[in-house]
Amino acid sequence: MTQGRASFSEQLADDIVQLIRSESLGPGDVLESSRDLAKRFAVTTPTVREALRRLEATGVVELRHGSGTYIGPGIERSVLANPHRPHITRSSVIELVQARLVIEPGIAALAASARDTAALQRLEAATATALQPPVHGFRPALNFHVELAGASGNNLLRETVEALLHVRASEQTEIRFRYDDRNRDHAEHLEILEAVRDGDGGAAERLTRAHLTTIWESLEAADFGEVTP
């Protein structure tokens, strides 16, 4: 009985996602009310709310009490966070940097090869975020490393980096807390940007690896004490 209800809720959640995409709604846009969705799909309002809660857990929608339901950033992701994953540990924080160290240097080399004008403009804009203070652990506006992946011209790589930082958002916040040198971040981002702009894939790869290695080494040497849950 429970399994059947869950399967129906999952199907309804998929239908709502298809509706969002068919109407070209994006993050921040307002979704129809639960009552209107219930009428549209010929189901009860509680069933719609159950489906919306499923979507909320993965960031596809945001339920704002007294305001309505809004499209969340998860609508653009294929890799989504597990809302029930364990608390972070020192090992999981370092693991994130290690994963990025494997992925991102090669991405930087591809970006230097692509040299897409529009993508470079976004990457240039993203370099300034390193000088801005984080808000709840995250940099405002564009994320340099996500835009670097976008500059590779490979949408899957961009989505992979963006999803990785979202899935391990708590670890990324901890990295920002343990390694908070905005001036150095900015300087190293500028060097990577210049290499990409010059089409120097070797330099872009080397600089990105050095940038992430510095972060990794600082985390290895840090006394984590009590890691934020």
Protein backbone atom coordinates (compact mmCIF):
# COMPACT_ATOMS: atom_id res chain seq x y z
CA MET A 1 0.00 0.00 0.00
CA THR A 2 2.71 2.43 1.00
CA GLN A 3 4.87 1.42 -1.95
CA GLY A 4 1.98 1.98 -4.37
CA ARG A 5 1.29 5.45 -2.95
CA ALA A 6 4.99 6.34 -3.20
CA SER A 7 5.16 5.20 -6.83
CA PHE A 8 2.12 7.31 -7.73
CA SER A 9 3.64 10.30 -5.97
CA GLU A 10 6.87 9.82 -7.89
CA GLN A 11 4.96 9.70 -11.18
CA LEU A 12 3.09 12.86 -10.30
CA ALA A 13 6.39 14.54 -9.40
CA ASP A 14 7.70 13.59 -12.87
CA ASP A 15 4.54 15.02 -14.45
CA ILE A 16 5.02 18.30 -12.59
CA VAL A 17 8.62 18.50 -13.79
CA GLN A 18 7.44 17.95 -17.36
CA LEU A 19 4.89 20.74 -16.88
CA ILE A 20 7.61 23.08 -15.60
CA ARG A 21 9.75 22.36 -18.65
CA SER A 22 6.91 22.55 -21.17
CA GLU A 23 6.04 26.02 -19.88
CA SER A 24 9.72 27.05 -19.93
CA LEU A 25 9.74 27.96 -16.25
CA GLY A 26 13.10 28.55 -14.61
CA PRO A 27 14.55 29.13 -11.15
CA GLY A 28 12.61 31.85 -9.32
CA ASP A 29 9.44 31.52 -11.41
CA VAL A 30 6.15 30.82 -9.66
CA LEU A 31 4.46 27.44 -10.08
CA GLU A 32 0.71 26.95 -10.10
CA SER A 33 -0.95 26.50 -6.72
CA SER A 34 -1.41 23.01 -5.28
CA ARG A 35 -5.15 23.35 -5.86
CA ASP A 36 -4.69 24.24 -9.54
CA LEU A 37 -2.20 21.42 -10.02
CA ALA A 38 -4.66 19.01 -8.42
CA LYS A 39 -7.32 20.07 -10.93
CA ARG A 40 -4.89 19.84 -13.84
CA PHE A 41 -3.79 16.29 -12.99
CA ALA A 42 -7.16 15.15 -11.58
CA VAL A 43 -5.76 14.19 -8.18
CA THR A 44 -6.27 15.36 -4.61
CA THR A 45 -4.47 18.39 -3.18
CA PRO A 46 -2.68 16.31 -0.49
CA THR A 47 -1.31 14.09 -3.26
CA VAL A 48 0.06 17.13 -5.05
CA ARG A 49 1.64 18.36 -1.84
CA GLU A 50 3.34 15.00 -1.32
CA ALA A 51 4.77 15.19 -4.84
CA LEU A 52 5.94 18.77 -4.26
CA ARG A 53 7.69 17.74 -1.06
CA ARG A 54 9.60 15.15 -3.09
CA LEU A 55 10.64 17.83 -5.54
CA GLU A 56 11.54 20.21 -2.73
CA ALA A 57 13.97 17.62 -1.28
CA THR A 58 16.03 17.79 -4.48
CA GLY A 59 15.73 21.54 -5.01
CA VAL A 60 13.43 21.34 -8.03
CA VAL A 61 10.89 23.53 -6.23
CA GLU A 62 10.93 25.74 -3.16
CA LEU A 63 7.85 25.83 -0.92
CA ARG A 64 7.57 29.27 0.67
CA HIS A 65 5.00 29.46 3.42
CA GLY A 66 2.42 32.14 2.71
CA SER A 67 3.94 32.93 -0.68
CA GLY A 68 3.56 29.89 -2.90
CA THR A 69 5.68 27.38 -4.77
CA TYR A 70 8.69 28.57 -6.77
CA ILE A 71 10.95 26.80 -9.23
CA GLY A 72 14.28 25.96 -7.59
CA PRO A 73 17.78 25.56 -9.04
CA GLY A 74 17.40 21.77 -9.02
CA ILE A 75 15.25 21.91 -12.15
CA GLU A 76 18.44 22.40 -14.18
CA ARG A 77 20.36 19.53 -12.57
CA SER A 78 20.58 15.88 -13.54
CA VAL A 79 22.69 14.95 -10.51
CA LEU A 80 20.85 15.82 -7.33
CA ALA A 81 21.77 15.86 -3.67
CA ASN A 82 20.62 13.14 -1.30
CA PRO A 83 18.70 15.05 1.39
CA HIS A 84 19.38 12.24 3.87
CA ARG A 85 23.14 11.82 3.36
CA PRO A 86 25.38 11.58 6.46
CA HIS A 87 26.94 14.60 8.14
CA ILE A 88 30.21 15.76 6.66
CA THR A 89 33.56 14.63 8.00
CA ARG A 90 37.15 15.74 7.55
CA SER A 91 37.57 12.91 5.04
CA SER A 92 34.53 13.93 2.99
CA VAL A 93 35.77 17.53 2.80
CA ILE A 94 39.18 16.45 1.50
CA GLU A 95 37.51 13.94 -0.80
CA LEU A 96 35.67 16.79 -2.55
CA VAL A 97 38.93 18.65 -3.25
CA GLN A 98 40.54 15.44 -4.52
CA ALA A 99 37.63 14.83 -6.90
CA ARG A 100 37.83 18.37 -8.21
CA LEU A 101 41.59 18.02 -8.64
CA VAL A 102 41.00 15.06 -10.96
CA ILE A 103 38.27 16.76 -12.99
CA GLU A 104 38.95 20.48 -13.26
CA PRO A 105 42.50 20.78 -14.67
CA GLY A 106 41.42 18.89 -17.80
CA ILE A 107 38.35 21.10 -18.03
CA ALA A 108 40.56 24.19 -17.96
CA ALA A 109 42.59 22.83 -20.87
CA LEU A 110 39.40 22.27 -22.87
CA ALA A 111 38.24 25.80 -22.07
CA ALA A 112 41.49 27.19 -23.45
CA SER A 113 40.94 25.20 -26.62
CA ALA A 114 37.31 26.31 -27.02
CA ARG A 115 37.83 30.05 -26.35
CA ASP A 116 34.12 30.83 -26.73
CA THR A 117 33.56 34.59 -26.53
CA ALA A 118 30.30 34.52 -24.55
CA ALA A 119 31.63 31.89 -22.16
CA LEU A 120 34.81 33.90 -21.62
CA GLN A 121 32.74 36.95 -20.74
CA ARG A 122 30.92 34.94 -18.07
CA LEU A 123 34.23 33.59 -16.80
CA GLU A 124 35.61 37.13 -16.58
CA ALA A 125 32.57 38.22 -14.59
CA ALA A 126 32.97 35.20 -12.30
CA THR A 127 36.55 36.10 -11.36
CA ALA A 128 35.28 39.09 -9.36
CA THR A 129 33.29 36.87 -7.00
CA ALA A 130 36.48 35.76 -5.22
CA LEU A 131 36.76 39.26 -3.77
CA GLN A 132 33.20 39.26 -2.46
CA PRO A 133 32.34 37.81 0.97
CA PRO A 134 30.40 34.53 0.95
CA VAL A 135 26.68 34.48 1.73
CA HIS A 136 25.77 31.43 3.81
CA GLY A 137 29.00 29.83 2.63
CA PHE A 138 28.52 30.48 -1.08
CA ARG A 139 29.91 33.12 -3.37
CA PRO A 140 27.34 35.47 -4.88
CA ALA A 141 26.52 35.64 -8.58
CA LEU A 142 28.63 33.43 -10.86
CA ASN A 143 30.86 30.62 -9.60
CA PHE A 144 34.29 30.72 -11.24
CA HIS A 145 34.77 26.96 -11.38
CA VAL A 146 31.30 26.33 -12.81
CA GLU A 147 31.85 28.98 -15.48
CA LEU A 148 35.30 27.54 -16.24
CA ALA A 149 33.58 24.23 -16.96
CA GLY A 150 31.00 26.08 -19.06
CA ALA A 151 33.81 27.66 -21.07
CA SER A 152 34.92 24.16 -22.10
CA GLY A 153 31.95 24.07 -24.48
CA ASN A 154 30.80 20.78 -22.96
CA ASN A 155 27.47 21.22 -21.19
CA LEU A 156 27.80 17.90 -19.39
CA LEU A 157 31.09 18.99 -17.81
CA ARG A 158 29.52 22.26 -16.67
CA GLU A 159 26.59 20.39 -15.19
CA THR A 160 28.93 17.88 -13.53
CA VAL A 161 30.94 20.57 -11.73
CA GLU A 162 27.81 22.53 -10.76
CA ALA A 163 26.14 19.35 -9.52
CA LEU A 164 29.23 18.25 -7.60
CA LEU A 165 29.37 21.55 -5.73
CA HIS A 166 25.63 21.28 -5.03
CA VAL A 167 25.66 17.64 -3.96
CA ARG A 168 28.58 18.35 -1.62
CA ALA A 169 27.46 21.87 -0.66
CA SER A 170 28.22 21.31 3.04
CA GLU A 171 31.76 20.20 2.26
CA GLN A 172 32.24 23.18 -0.06
CA THR A 173 31.09 25.51 2.72
CA GLU A 174 33.61 23.89 5.05
CA ILE A 175 36.36 24.40 2.46
CA ARG A 176 35.47 28.08 2.26
CA PHE A 177 35.60 28.30 6.04
CA ARG A 178 38.95 26.51 6.35
CA TYR A 179 40.56 28.18 3.33
CA ASP A 180 39.36 31.78 3.14
CA ASP A 181 41.97 33.75 1.23
CA ARG A 182 39.91 35.83 -1.21
CA ASN A 183 42.86 37.83 -2.51
CA ARG A 184 44.83 34.70 -3.35
CA ASP A 185 41.75 33.08 -4.88
CA HIS A 186 41.21 36.12 -7.06
CA ALA A 187 44.83 36.28 -8.19
CA GLU A 188 44.90 32.58 -9.11
CA HIS A 189 41.56 32.81 -10.90
CA LEU A 190 42.92 35.72 -12.94
CA GLU A 191 45.95 33.65 -13.96
CA ILE A 192 43.72 30.78 -15.07
CA LEU A 193 41.48 33.21 -16.96
CA GLU A 194 44.46 34.69 -18.80
CA ALA A 195 45.68 31.23 -19.82
CA VAL A 196 42.22 30.31 -21.10
CA ARG A 197 41.87 33.62 -22.95
CA ASP A 198 45.32 33.09 -24.55
CA GLY A 199 44.38 29.59 -25.65
CA ASP A 200 47.21 28.08 -23.59
CA GLY A 201 45.75 24.75 -22.53
CA GLY A 202 48.91 23.56 -20.83
CA ALA A 203 49.14 26.63 -18.63
CA ALA A 204 45.41 26.59 -17.85
CA GLU A 205 45.64 22.96 -16.76
CA ARG A 206 48.80 23.52 -14.70
CA LEU A 207 47.46 26.65 -12.97
CA THR A 208 44.14 25.00 -12.13
CA ARG A 209 45.93 21.98 -10.67
CA ALA A 210 48.21 24.22 -8.62
CA HIS A 211 45.23 26.24 -7.37
CA LEU A 212 43.34 23.18 -6.16
CA THR A 213 46.49 21.54 -4.78
CA THR A 214 47.13 24.59 -2.59
CA ILE A 215 43.62 24.26 -1.17
CA TRP A 216 44.07 20.52 -0.63
CA GLU A 217 47.38 20.97 1.17
CA SER A 218 45.94 23.67 3.43
CA LEU A 219 43.06 21.37 4.38
CA GLU A 220 45.42 18.46 5.08
CA ALA A 221 47.36 20.68 7.49
CA ALA A 222 44.28 22.17 9.16
CA ASP A 223 43.03 21.17 12.61
CA PHE A 224 39.37 20.52 11.87
CA GLY A 225 38.31 19.94 15.45
CA GLU A 226 34.52 19.70 15.37
CA VAL A 227 33.36 19.65 11.76
CA THR A 228 30.14 21.55 11.17
CA PRO A 229 27.27 19.06 10.68
